[in-house]
């Protein structure tokens, strides 16, 4: 039996490591802010974002309409303002979804993922975790992108990323029930969103998950893995099935990053089936009354 989402205690404020951001119209900056301040910038942007939304897809489509959402400012629990990409559906929202990025930042691919989920009826937001270190990071998939991405995730850390998921979930709370979907490094962020925040979560090829199997899930979980993923061998996948028997675990004839449609590991058939299963999971746990 899973419990509902719980509010975590507020951590002690940290000094922002990135350069101070310019103050926007809603007064959001990287300076420390009071613990009780709301997410005015997000709410203001959310009210403006729906005008460009395309109609809902009839089934699980991989297509998106470019530019469906917009970049906004998000006040975090660590008293620092970071960027986030927000997209909203045309009609009533089925629920809310936080997308946890890969090691490449909230780049064009992650924005397309956010737009896609919005096209399927979910208010969706991707917080820019790397803004705690460096503002506006968007990395490519070359050797330098992988190198910089690994350094940045080491600096940010999973605890900060999970706190940002909590902040993003609070910011879109009016959408209804909130879940999380994460990819690669973000796949483990999504796993921890289920154990620490009580959010129904979908984890795509999270290679760090097993390090946290001592944490008890407080919400339903769905896992996707590639059978040819050298970083997540079959024995590691089987540990998910053995140690998390209540979770759904699926494998695909693909490698790591098979959902990322801009790289050599992209597998369209696997991505489509994983999306179909993800949407069914979200409909059960977020959209169903």
C-alpha atoms as a PDB file:
ATOM      1  CA  UNK A   1       0.000   0.000   0.000  1.00  0.00           C
ATOM      2  CA  UNK A   2       1.453   3.317  -1.015  1.00  0.00           C
ATOM      3  CA  UNK A   3       0.866   6.488   0.929  1.00  0.00           C
ATOM      4  CA  UNK A   4       0.185   9.885  -0.613  1.00  0.00           C
ATOM      5  CA  UNK A   5       2.771  12.554  -1.201  1.00  0.00           C
ATOM      6  CA  UNK A   6       4.239  14.060   1.932  1.00  0.00           C
ATOM      7  CA  UNK A   7       5.855  17.444   2.450  1.00  0.00           C
ATOM      8  CA  UNK A   8       9.534  17.241   3.291  1.00  0.00           C
ATOM      9  CA  UNK A   9      11.015  19.417   6.026  1.00  0.00           C
ATOM     10  CA  UNK A  10      12.580  22.597   4.684  1.00  0.00           C
ATOM     11  CA  UNK A  11      16.360  22.294   4.415  1.00  0.00           C
ATOM     12  CA  UNK A  12      18.656  25.012   5.646  1.00  0.00           C
ATOM     13  CA  UNK A  13      19.231  27.700   2.975  1.00  0.00           C
ATOM     14  CA  UNK A  14      22.329  27.305   0.817  1.00  0.00           C
ATOM     15  CA  UNK A  15      24.216  30.065  -0.911  1.00  0.00           C
ATOM     16  CA  UNK A  16      23.678  29.921  -4.666  1.00  0.00           C
ATOM     17  CA  UNK A  17      26.763  28.792  -6.523  1.00  0.00           C
ATOM     18  CA  UNK A  18      25.779  30.200  -9.907  1.00  0.00           C
ATOM     19  CA  UNK A  19      26.093  33.910 -10.727  1.00  0.00           C
ATOM     20  CA  UNK A  20      23.062  35.973  -9.646  1.00  0.00           C
ATOM     21  CA  UNK A  21      20.323  35.869 -12.262  1.00  0.00           C
ATOM     22  CA  UNK A  22      18.652  39.007 -13.522  1.00  0.00           C
ATOM     23  CA  UNK A  23      15.495  39.814 -11.580  1.00  0.00           C
ATOM     24  CA  UNK A  24      12.432  39.184 -13.710  1.00  0.00           C
ATOM     25  CA  UNK A  25       9.017  40.819 -13.635  1.00  0.00           C
ATOM     26  CA  UNK A  26       7.949  38.618 -10.741  1.00  0.00           C
ATOM     27  CA  UNK A  27      10.982  39.502  -8.615  1.00  0.00           C
ATOM     28  CA  UNK A  28      12.633  36.079  -8.964  1.00  0.00           C
ATOM     29  CA  UNK A  29      16.417  36.020  -8.690  1.00  0.00           C
ATOM     30  CA  UNK A  30      19.149  33.735  -7.408  1.00  0.00           C
ATOM     31  CA  UNK A  31      19.311  35.600  -4.089  1.00  0.00           C
ATOM     32  CA  UNK A  32      18.086  33.854  -0.932  1.00  0.00           C
ATOM     33  CA  UNK A  33      14.331  34.159  -0.439  1.00  0.00           C
ATOM     34  CA  UNK A  34      11.958  33.688   2.481  1.00  0.00           C
ATOM     35  CA  UNK A  35      10.881  30.091   3.130  1.00  0.00           C
ATOM     36  CA  UNK A  36       7.203  30.914   2.817  1.00  0.00           C
ATOM     37  CA  UNK A  37       7.352  32.611  -0.594  1.00  0.00           C
ATOM     38  CA  UNK A  38       5.081  31.104  -3.258  1.00  0.00           C
ATOM     39  CA  UNK A  39       5.851  30.304  -6.893  1.00  0.00           C
ATOM     40  CA  UNK A  40       4.428  33.478  -8.394  1.00  0.00           C
ATOM     41  CA  UNK A  41       6.655  33.399 -11.463  1.00  0.00           C
ATOM     42  CA  UNK A  42       5.519  29.887 -12.357  1.00  0.00           C
ATOM     43  CA  UNK A  43       1.859  30.659 -11.809  1.00  0.00           C
ATOM     44  CA  UNK A  44       2.075  33.817 -13.866  1.00  0.00           C
ATOM     45  CA  UNK A  45       3.783  31.963 -16.722  1.00  0.00           C
ATOM     46  CA  UNK A  46       1.328  29.080 -16.497  1.00  0.00           C
ATOM     47  CA  UNK A  47      -1.561  31.463 -17.052  1.00  0.00           C
ATOM     48  CA  UNK A  48       0.070  32.661 -20.277  1.00  0.00           C
ATOM     49  CA  UNK A  49       1.347  29.377 -21.669  1.00  0.00           C
ATOM     50  CA  UNK A  50      -1.811  27.674 -22.934  1.00  0.00           C
ATOM     51  CA  UNK A  51      -2.458  29.884 -25.947  1.00  0.00           C
ATOM     52  CA  UNK A  52      -0.014  28.031 -28.181  1.00  0.00           C
ATOM     53  CA  UNK A  53      -1.051  24.477 -27.277  1.00  0.00           C
ATOM     54  CA  UNK A  54      -1.916  21.953 -29.978  1.00  0.00           C
ATOM     55  CA  UNK A  55      -4.894  19.605 -29.652  1.00  0.00           C
ATOM     56  CA  UNK A  56      -4.596  16.298 -27.722  1.00  0.00           C
ATOM     57  CA  UNK A  57      -3.323  13.279 -29.576  1.00  0.00           C
ATOM     58  CA  UNK A  58      -5.763  10.394 -29.919  1.00  0.00           C
ATOM     59  CA  UNK A  59      -3.070   7.850 -28.996  1.00  0.00           C
ATOM     60  CA  UNK A  60       0.537   7.704 -27.828  1.00  0.00           C
ATOM     61  CA  UNK A  61       2.263   9.860 -30.438  1.00  0.00           C
ATOM     62  CA  UNK A  62       5.980  10.669 -30.505  1.00  0.00           C
ATOM     63  CA  UNK A  63       5.323  13.864 -32.446  1.00  0.00           C
ATOM     64  CA  UNK A  64       5.337  17.306 -30.843  1.00  0.00           C
ATOM     65  CA  UNK A  65       4.558  20.837 -31.941  1.00  0.00           C
ATOM     66  CA  UNK A  66       7.703  22.981 -31.624  1.00  0.00           C
ATOM     67  CA  UNK A  67       7.600  25.730 -29.028  1.00  0.00           C
ATOM     68  CA  UNK A  68       4.507  24.542 -27.159  1.00  0.00           C
ATOM     69  CA  UNK A  69       5.837  25.675 -23.783  1.00  0.00           C
ATOM     70  CA  UNK A  70       8.029  28.409 -22.378  1.00  0.00           C
ATOM     71  CA  UNK A  71      10.972  28.903 -20.061  1.00  0.00           C
ATOM     72  CA  UNK A  72      10.005  30.327 -16.691  1.00  0.00           C
ATOM     73  CA  UNK A  73      11.558  30.965 -13.269  1.00  0.00           C
ATOM     74  CA  UNK A  74      11.124  28.575 -10.355  1.00  0.00           C
ATOM     75  CA  UNK A  75      11.770  29.348  -6.689  1.00  0.00           C
ATOM     76  CA  UNK A  76      13.311  26.292  -5.055  1.00  0.00           C
ATOM     77  CA  UNK A  77      13.344  24.939  -1.527  1.00  0.00           C
ATOM     78  CA  UNK A  78      17.025  25.797  -1.340  1.00  0.00           C
ATOM     79  CA  UNK A  79      16.188  29.489  -1.651  1.00  0.00           C
ATOM     80  CA  UNK A  80      17.626  29.827  -5.145  1.00  0.00           C
ATOM     81  CA  UNK A  81      15.730  30.682  -8.289  1.00  0.00           C
ATOM     82  CA  UNK A  82      16.362  28.357 -11.255  1.00  0.00           C
ATOM     83  CA  UNK A  83      14.945  28.077 -14.726  1.00  0.00           C
ATOM     84  CA  UNK A  84      12.317  25.561 -15.788  1.00  0.00           C
ATOM     85  CA  UNK A  85      10.500  24.686 -18.991  1.00  0.00           C
ATOM     86  CA  UNK A  86       6.705  24.580 -18.606  1.00  0.00           C
ATOM     87  CA  UNK A  87       4.051  23.374 -21.041  1.00  0.00           C
ATOM     88  CA  UNK A  88       0.309  23.072 -20.496  1.00  0.00           C
ATOM     89  CA  UNK A  89      -2.437  21.201 -22.378  1.00  0.00           C
ATOM     90  CA  UNK A  90      -5.133  22.941 -24.371  1.00  0.00           C
ATOM     91  CA  UNK A  91      -8.013  21.682 -22.278  1.00  0.00           C
ATOM     92  CA  UNK A  92      -8.394  20.568 -18.652  1.00  0.00           C
ATOM     93  CA  UNK A  93      -5.258  19.027 -17.235  1.00  0.00           C
ATOM     94  CA  UNK A  94      -5.257  15.303 -16.415  1.00  0.00           C
ATOM     95  CA  UNK A  95      -2.636  15.987 -13.754  1.00  0.00           C
ATOM     96  CA  UNK A  96       0.859  17.366 -13.357  1.00  0.00           C
ATOM     97  CA  UNK A  97       4.201  15.900 -14.358  1.00  0.00           C
ATOM     98  CA  UNK A  98       7.770  16.821 -13.452  1.00  0.00           C
ATOM     99  CA  UNK A  99      10.373  15.736 -16.022  1.00  0.00           C
ATOM    100  CA  UNK A 100      13.847  15.017 -14.632  1.00  0.00           C
ATOM    101  CA  UNK A 101      16.537  15.745 -17.217  1.00  0.00           C
ATOM    102  CA  UNK A 102      19.446  13.645 -18.415  1.00  0.00           C
ATOM    103  CA  UNK A 103      23.030  14.820 -17.838  1.00  0.00           C
ATOM    104  CA  UNK A 104      22.719  17.220 -20.777  1.00  0.00           C
ATOM    105  CA  UNK A 105      20.508  19.866 -19.157  1.00  0.00           C
ATOM    106  CA  UNK A 106      17.070  21.074 -20.197  1.00  0.00           C
ATOM    107  CA  UNK A 107      18.023  21.072 -23.856  1.00  0.00           C
ATOM    108  CA  UNK A 108      15.923  20.858 -27.019  1.00  0.00           C
ATOM    109  CA  UNK A 109      15.273  17.135 -26.529  1.00  0.00           C
ATOM    110  CA  UNK A 110      14.007  17.537 -22.949  1.00  0.00           C
ATOM    111  CA  UNK A 111      11.838  20.479 -23.997  1.00  0.00           C
ATOM    112  CA  UNK A 112      10.351  18.270 -26.716  1.00  0.00           C
ATOM    113  CA  UNK A 113       9.629  15.584 -24.089  1.00  0.00           C
ATOM    114  CA  UNK A 114       7.819  18.182 -21.952  1.00  0.00           C
ATOM    115  CA  UNK A 115       5.805  19.363 -24.968  1.00  0.00           C
ATOM    116  CA  UNK A 116       4.883  15.775 -25.796  1.00  0.00           C
ATOM    117  CA  UNK A 117       3.458  15.051 -22.353  1.00  0.00           C
ATOM    118  CA  UNK A 118       1.543  18.332 -22.466  1.00  0.00           C
ATOM    119  CA  UNK A 119       0.130  17.217 -25.807  1.00  0.00           C
ATOM    120  CA  UNK A 120      -1.167  14.123 -24.024  1.00  0.00           C
ATOM    121  CA  UNK A 121      -3.006  16.223 -21.445  1.00  0.00           C
ATOM    122  CA  UNK A 122      -0.538  16.778 -18.572  1.00  0.00           C
ATOM    123  CA  UNK A 123       0.743  20.072 -17.220  1.00  0.00           C
ATOM    124  CA  UNK A 124       4.464  19.352 -17.464  1.00  0.00           C
ATOM    125  CA  UNK A 125       7.541  21.094 -16.088  1.00  0.00           C
ATOM    126  CA  UNK A 126      11.272  20.352 -16.336  1.00  0.00           C
ATOM    127  CA  UNK A 127      13.367  22.162 -13.714  1.00  0.00           C
ATOM    128  CA  UNK A 128      16.875  23.113 -14.836  1.00  0.00           C
ATOM    129  CA  UNK A 129      18.901  21.360 -12.129  1.00  0.00           C
ATOM    130  CA  UNK A 130      22.217  22.655 -13.462  1.00  0.00           C
ATOM    131  CA  UNK A 131      21.188  26.278 -12.834  1.00  0.00           C
ATOM    132  CA  UNK A 132      22.419  25.780  -9.264  1.00  0.00           C
ATOM    133  CA  UNK A 133      25.922  25.721 -10.755  1.00  0.00           C
ATOM    134  CA  UNK A 134      25.707  27.346 -14.183  1.00  0.00           C
ATOM    135  CA  UNK A 135      22.719  29.046 -15.782  1.00  0.00           C
ATOM    136  CA  UNK A 136      21.214  27.851 -19.060  1.00  0.00           C
ATOM    137  CA  UNK A 137      23.295  24.729 -19.652  1.00  0.00           C
ATOM    138  CA  UNK A 138      22.343  22.845 -22.837  1.00  0.00           C
ATOM    139  CA  UNK A 139      24.866  20.183 -23.785  1.00  0.00           C
ATOM    140  CA  UNK A 140      25.313  18.155 -26.941  1.00  0.00           C
ATOM    141  CA  UNK A 141      25.870  14.417 -27.153  1.00  0.00           C
ATOM    142  CA  UNK A 142      29.541  14.507 -28.068  1.00  0.00           C
ATOM    143  CA  UNK A 143      32.497  13.647 -25.843  1.00  0.00           C
ATOM    144  CA  UNK A 144      32.639  17.151 -24.373  1.00  0.00           C
ATOM    145  CA  UNK A 145      28.904  17.081 -23.587  1.00  0.00           C
ATOM    146  CA  UNK A 146      29.252  13.807 -21.704  1.00  0.00           C
ATOM    147  CA  UNK A 147      32.304  15.078 -19.828  1.00  0.00           C
ATOM    148  CA  UNK A 148      30.702  18.339 -18.754  1.00  0.00           C
ATOM    149  CA  UNK A 149      27.414  16.632 -17.918  1.00  0.00           C
ATOM    150  CA  UNK A 150      29.113  14.163 -15.581  1.00  0.00           C
ATOM    151  CA  UNK A 151      30.937  17.009 -13.824  1.00  0.00           C
ATOM    152  CA  UNK A 152      27.729  19.005 -13.397  1.00  0.00           C
ATOM    153  CA  UNK A 153      25.681  16.133 -11.961  1.00  0.00           C
ATOM    154  CA  UNK A 154      28.506  15.592  -9.485  1.00  0.00           C
ATOM    155  CA  UNK A 155      28.320  19.216  -8.404  1.00  0.00           C
ATOM    156  CA  UNK A 156      24.522  19.389  -8.197  1.00  0.00           C
ATOM    157  CA  UNK A 157      23.921  15.994  -6.592  1.00  0.00           C
ATOM    158  CA  UNK A 158      20.780  13.905  -6.390  1.00  0.00           C
ATOM    159  CA  UNK A 159      19.526  15.476  -3.147  1.00  0.00           C
ATOM    160  CA  UNK A 160      19.364  18.936  -4.736  1.00  0.00           C
ATOM    161  CA  UNK A 161      17.662  17.540  -7.843  1.00  0.00           C
ATOM    162  CA  UNK A 162      14.998  15.793  -5.735  1.00  0.00           C
ATOM    163  CA  UNK A 163      14.397  19.026  -3.822  1.00  0.00           C
ATOM    164  CA  UNK A 164      13.903  20.780  -7.172  1.00  0.00           C
ATOM    165  CA  UNK A 165      11.374  18.123  -8.200  1.00  0.00           C
ATOM    166  CA  UNK A 166       9.482  18.879  -4.976  1.00  0.00           C
ATOM    167  CA  UNK A 167       9.546  22.612  -5.739  1.00  0.00           C
ATOM    168  CA  UNK A 168       8.337  22.033  -9.298  1.00  0.00           C
ATOM    169  CA  UNK A 169       5.567  19.717  -8.077  1.00  0.00           C
ATOM    170  CA  UNK A 170       4.370  22.357  -5.627  1.00  0.00           C
ATOM    171  CA  UNK A 171       4.434  24.985  -8.372  1.00  0.00           C
ATOM    172  CA  UNK A 172       2.022  23.005 -10.601  1.00  0.00           C
ATOM    173  CA  UNK A 173      -0.082  21.585  -7.757  1.00  0.00           C
ATOM    174  CA  UNK A 174      -3.240  23.157  -9.203  1.00  0.00           C
ATOM    175  CA  UNK A 175      -2.990  20.692 -12.148  1.00  0.00           C
ATOM    176  CA  UNK A 176      -4.124  17.830  -9.897  1.00  0.00           C
ATOM    177  CA  UNK A 177      -2.166  14.759  -8.885  1.00  0.00           C
ATOM    178  CA  UNK A 178       1.545  15.067  -9.625  1.00  0.00           C
ATOM    179  CA  UNK A 179       3.992  12.460 -10.909  1.00  0.00           C
ATOM    180  CA  UNK A 180       7.577  12.353 -12.151  1.00  0.00           C
ATOM    181  CA  UNK A 181       9.288  10.946 -15.243  1.00  0.00           C
ATOM    182  CA  UNK A 182      13.075  10.898 -15.494  1.00  0.00           C
ATOM    183  CA  UNK A 183      15.720   9.774 -17.970  1.00  0.00           C
ATOM    184  CA  UNK A 184      19.238   8.423 -17.350  1.00  0.00           C
ATOM    185  CA  UNK A 185      20.537  10.417 -14.333  1.00  0.00           C
ATOM    186  CA  UNK A 186      17.014  11.795 -14.090  1.00  0.00           C
ATOM    187  CA  UNK A 187      15.753   8.206 -14.012  1.00  0.00           C
ATOM    188  CA  UNK A 188      17.276   7.862 -10.559  1.00  0.00           C
ATOM    189  CA  UNK A 189      15.895  11.283  -9.603  1.00  0.00           C
ATOM    190  CA  UNK A 190      12.459   9.909 -10.535  1.00  0.00           C
ATOM    191  CA  UNK A 191      13.036   6.780  -8.442  1.00  0.00           C
ATOM    192  CA  UNK A 192      13.919   8.971  -5.450  1.00  0.00           C
ATOM    193  CA  UNK A 193      10.848  11.124  -6.114  1.00  0.00           C
ATOM    194  CA  UNK A 194       8.806   7.991  -5.358  1.00  0.00           C
ATOM    195  CA  UNK A 195      10.784   7.047  -2.225  1.00  0.00           C
ATOM    196  CA  UNK A 196      11.260  10.539  -0.770  1.00  0.00           C
ATOM    197  CA  UNK A 197       8.352  12.585  -2.111  1.00  0.00           C
ATOM    198  CA  UNK A 198       5.661   9.966  -2.605  1.00  0.00           C
ATOM    199  CA  UNK A 199       5.196  10.816  -6.301  1.00  0.00           C
ATOM    200  CA  UNK A 200       4.139   8.097  -8.766  1.00  0.00           C
ATOM    201  CA  UNK A 201       7.207   7.912 -10.976  1.00  0.00           C
ATOM    202  CA  UNK A 202       8.552   6.507 -14.232  1.00  0.00           C
ATOM    203  CA  UNK A 203      12.282   5.811 -14.426  1.00  0.00           C
ATOM    204  CA  UNK A 204      13.957   5.375 -17.811  1.00  0.00           C
ATOM    205  CA  UNK A 205      17.319   3.542 -17.649  1.00  0.00           C
ATOM    206  CA  UNK A 206      18.424   4.880 -14.260  1.00  0.00           C
ATOM    207  CA  UNK A 207      21.781   3.219 -13.671  1.00  0.00           C
ATOM    208  CA  UNK A 208      22.142   4.619 -10.126  1.00  0.00           C
ATOM    209  CA  UNK A 209      18.840   3.218  -8.826  1.00  0.00           C
ATOM    210  CA  UNK A 210      20.301   0.174  -7.098  1.00  0.00           C
ATOM    211  CA  UNK A 211      22.413   2.363  -4.816  1.00  0.00           C
ATOM    212  CA  UNK A 212      19.166   3.474  -3.139  1.00  0.00           C
ATOM    213  CA  UNK A 213      17.311   0.183  -2.785  1.00  0.00           C
ATOM    214  CA  UNK A 214      17.408   0.642   0.990  1.00  0.00           C
ATOM    215  CA  UNK A 215      14.777   3.370   0.510  1.00  0.00           C
ATOM    216  CA  UNK A 216      11.154   2.179   0.541  1.00  0.00           C
ATOM    217  CA  UNK A 217       8.925   3.415  -2.322  1.00  0.00           C
ATOM    218  CA  UNK A 218       5.939   5.453  -1.137  1.00  0.00           C
ATOM    219  CA  UNK A 219       4.274   5.553  -4.552  1.00  0.00           C
ATOM    220  CA  UNK A 220       3.906   3.323  -7.640  1.00  0.00           C
ATOM    221  CA  UNK A 221       6.934   2.892  -9.906  1.00  0.00           C
ATOM    222  CA  UNK A 222       7.475   1.995 -13.556  1.00  0.00           C
ATOM    223  CA  UNK A 223      10.940   1.168 -14.944  1.00  0.00           C
ATOM    224  CA  UNK A 224      12.144   1.027 -18.564  1.00  0.00           C
ATOM    225  CA  UNK A 225      15.503  -0.538 -19.529  1.00  0.00           C
ATOM    226  CA  UNK A 226      17.320  -1.352 -22.760  1.00  0.00           C
ATOM    227  CA  UNK A 227      18.455  -4.958 -23.088  1.00  0.00           C
ATOM    228  CA  UNK A 228      21.634  -3.811 -24.864  1.00  0.00           C
ATOM    229  CA  UNK A 229      22.483  -1.143 -22.277  1.00  0.00           C
ATOM    230  CA  UNK A 230      26.081  -1.896 -21.232  1.00  0.00           C
ATOM    231  CA  UNK A 231      25.775   0.427 -18.219  1.00  0.00           C
ATOM    232  CA  UNK A 232      22.807  -1.535 -16.785  1.00  0.00           C
ATOM    233  CA  UNK A 233      23.484  -5.269 -17.155  1.00  0.00           C
ATOM    234  CA  UNK A 234      20.653  -7.845 -16.943  1.00  0.00           C
ATOM    235  CA  UNK A 235      21.554  -8.724 -13.344  1.00  0.00           C
ATOM    236  CA  UNK A 236      20.926  -5.112 -12.326  1.00  0.00           C
ATOM    237  CA  UNK A 237      17.534  -5.118 -14.045  1.00  0.00           C
ATOM    238  CA  UNK A 238      16.643  -8.358 -12.252  1.00  0.00           C
ATOM    239  CA  UNK A 239      17.460  -6.724  -8.928  1.00  0.00           C
ATOM    240  CA  UNK A 240      14.686  -4.214  -9.654  1.00  0.00           C
ATOM    241  CA  UNK A 241      12.224  -7.083 -10.106  1.00  0.00           C
ATOM    242  CA  UNK A 242      13.457  -8.978  -7.047  1.00  0.00           C
ATOM    243  CA  UNK A 243      13.762  -6.072  -4.610  1.00  0.00           C
ATOM    244  CA  UNK A 244      10.857  -3.953  -5.855  1.00  0.00           C
ATOM    245  CA  UNK A 245       8.184  -6.593  -6.550  1.00  0.00           C
ATOM    246  CA  UNK A 246       5.338  -4.076  -6.609  1.00  0.00           C
ATOM    247  CA  UNK A 247       6.969  -2.082  -9.426  1.00  0.00           C
ATOM    248  CA  UNK A 248       6.463  -2.556 -13.160  1.00  0.00           C
ATOM    249  CA  UNK A 249       9.724  -3.405 -14.946  1.00  0.00           C
ATOM    250  CA  UNK A 250       9.966  -3.553 -18.740  1.00  0.00           C
ATOM    251  CA  UNK A 251      12.904  -4.205 -21.055  1.00  0.00           C
ATOM    252  CA  UNK A 252      13.323  -3.380 -24.740  1.00  0.00           C
ATOM    253  CA  UNK A 253      15.624  -4.596 -27.566  1.00  0.00           C
ATOM    254  CA  UNK A 254      17.597  -1.354 -27.415  1.00  0.00           C
ATOM    255  CA  UNK A 255      20.546   0.380 -25.762  1.00  0.00           C
ATOM    256  CA  UNK A 256      20.894   3.149 -23.210  1.00  0.00           C
ATOM    257  CA  UNK A 257      19.049   6.330 -24.161  1.00  0.00           C
ATOM    258  CA  UNK A 258      16.659   4.583 -26.543  1.00  0.00           C
ATOM    259  CA  UNK A 259      14.029   7.285 -25.975  1.00  0.00           C
ATOM    260  CA  UNK A 260      16.374  10.108 -27.025  1.00  0.00           C
ATOM    261  CA  UNK A 261      15.527  10.738 -30.667  1.00  0.00           C
ATOM    262  CA  UNK A 262      18.716  12.680 -31.398  1.00  0.00           C
ATOM    263  CA  UNK A 263      21.334   9.996 -30.804  1.00  0.00           C
ATOM    264  CA  UNK A 264      22.642   6.707 -32.140  1.00  0.00           C
ATOM    265  CA  UNK A 265      20.832   4.714 -29.424  1.00  0.00           C
ATOM    266  CA  UNK A 266      17.379   5.944 -30.421  1.00  0.00           C
ATOM    267  CA  UNK A 267      14.981   3.099 -31.119  1.00  0.00           C
ATOM    268  CA  UNK A 268      11.635   4.350 -32.379  1.00  0.00           C
ATOM    269  CA  UNK A 269       9.677   1.137 -31.749  1.00  0.00           C
ATOM    270  CA  UNK A 270      10.981   0.813 -28.189  1.00  0.00           C
ATOM    271  CA  UNK A 271      10.394   4.508 -27.488  1.00  0.00           C
ATOM    272  CA  UNK A 272       6.826   4.281 -28.739  1.00  0.00           C
ATOM    273  CA  UNK A 273       6.008   1.190 -26.656  1.00  0.00           C
ATOM    274  CA  UNK A 274       7.631   2.709 -23.557  1.00  0.00           C
ATOM    275  CA  UNK A 275       5.613   5.899 -24.052  1.00  0.00           C
ATOM    276  CA  UNK A 276       2.411   3.875 -24.417  1.00  0.00           C
ATOM    277  CA  UNK A 277       3.129   2.103 -21.125  1.00  0.00           C
ATOM    278  CA  UNK A 278       4.130   5.371 -19.464  1.00  0.00           C
ATOM    279  CA  UNK A 279       0.909   7.107 -20.484  1.00  0.00           C
ATOM    280  CA  UNK A 280      -1.150   4.145 -19.261  1.00  0.00           C
ATOM    281  CA  UNK A 281       0.701   4.293 -15.918  1.00  0.00           C
ATOM    282  CA  UNK A 282       0.112   8.042 -15.623  1.00  0.00           C
ATOM    283  CA  UNK A 283      -3.548   7.695 -16.543  1.00  0.00           C
ATOM    284  CA  UNK A 284      -4.000   5.074 -13.797  1.00  0.00           C
ATOM    285  CA  UNK A 285      -2.178   6.908 -11.047  1.00  0.00           C
ATOM    286  CA  UNK A 286      -2.675  10.594 -11.895  1.00  0.00           C
ATOM    287  CA  UNK A 287      -5.692  10.992 -14.166  1.00  0.00           C
ATOM    288  CA  UNK A 288      -8.054   8.401 -12.683  1.00  0.00           C
ATOM    289  CA  UNK A 289     -10.310   9.933  -9.976  1.00  0.00           C
END
